[in-house]
């Protein structure tokens, strides 16, 4: 087991010849040391494909980047392949020194011409050479045909330069771009960091959407199925506002952007883990307890309800309907706010301004309806006016539900919400 200790203290390198020898003579040993190799040097195209397939058989997720035809096989077998265009940035880098050298050459030529002009004037004064002005007087002027030919030559040179610039901007895709699902317009492997950051952001966004959907489904299942037997249902305007709130929040969550810096920590790979299942169940337990408590308090303060309830009757607002609607809307808003995950994989809630403003607007609107601050707005949403003592109980229960759910989720995340690296 010395190779494990050696792999933790040194960066191991394996050449193509060594890979061929180990594959033929010591295949079992190669399978053990393969995860500890950091550099594969001077390997053939077929050997690249062999390394990728061997790592996949060992249970690793493979990522391959290449810029030529010899990388096509490995790019196809890897879970994530990235084709590099090595000629794009090199042209850009060559253009900048070219412009600088042209400017420097113009300056040097102007300085040299000034010094030679001074020397010629001194020699003309001594009679050693003729004066340039006198030579120009004796020289015959250019004809119109010569001037036209000179202008035509300048135009041809300008058109040639424009064509070269247009050709430099065209990106030519090779065989690697056809084999790989991703293509990077750069020659550096820095694009791998962008792929990992985008993938982590997408994974975290998908997982938190599943959590939010699970909690909202459990809340709505109770409020719209069990309580429906007691005659509790929502009006058309209430159901419309509830649907718009859910659609807007899901839209703004999906537009979250990854951070610019790649984090050392890793997100959870799937939803079937102890953290996700436990936080969903415990949060629903808190929401369910608050919902049951408020329904009982509302029934105690409501006038006598008929024994036989017509489930097909038109909607009529009362204390129980309004209570269930207020708490169900608040639970959905708190579910989005609590289960949204920001750093270290994506922008935080304060940085995702559209989602933050929508949650603040919705939450403040629900509090205003619960507190009865705007009677006209409550009438528009068909909310019954709450008694003063029950209104205070309602606001306290909503605040307690938010705080308890937040503490439960963050505590479970701190203990079970981190993914450790695979140990060999």
Foldseek 3Di string as FASTA:
>chain_A
DVLVVVLVVDAAEAEQVRVVVCVVPPVVVCLVNLVSHDYYYHHFLVVLLVSQVSCVVVPDQDEEEEADPSPLNNQQSHPAYEYEQALQVVVVVVVVVVVVVVVVVVVVVVVVVVVVVVVVVVCCVVVNDPDPVVVVVPDDDDDPVVVVVVVVVVVVVVVVVVVVVVVSPDGDDDSSPVRGPHYDHHDDPVVVLVVVLVVQLVQLLVLLVVLLVLLLVVLCCCQPPVCLQVVADFAPVLVVVLVVLVVQLNVLSVPWAWDPDRDPFGFDRDCPDPLNVVLSVVLSVLLVVLLVVLLVVQVVPFPDDDPDDDSPDDDAADSNNLLSSLSSQLSSLLSSQQSRDDPPRTHDLVVSVSNVVSSVVSNVVSLCLLQVVDVVVVVVRNHDDDDPVSSVVSVVSSVVSSVVSNVSNVVSCVPPGTDDDDDD
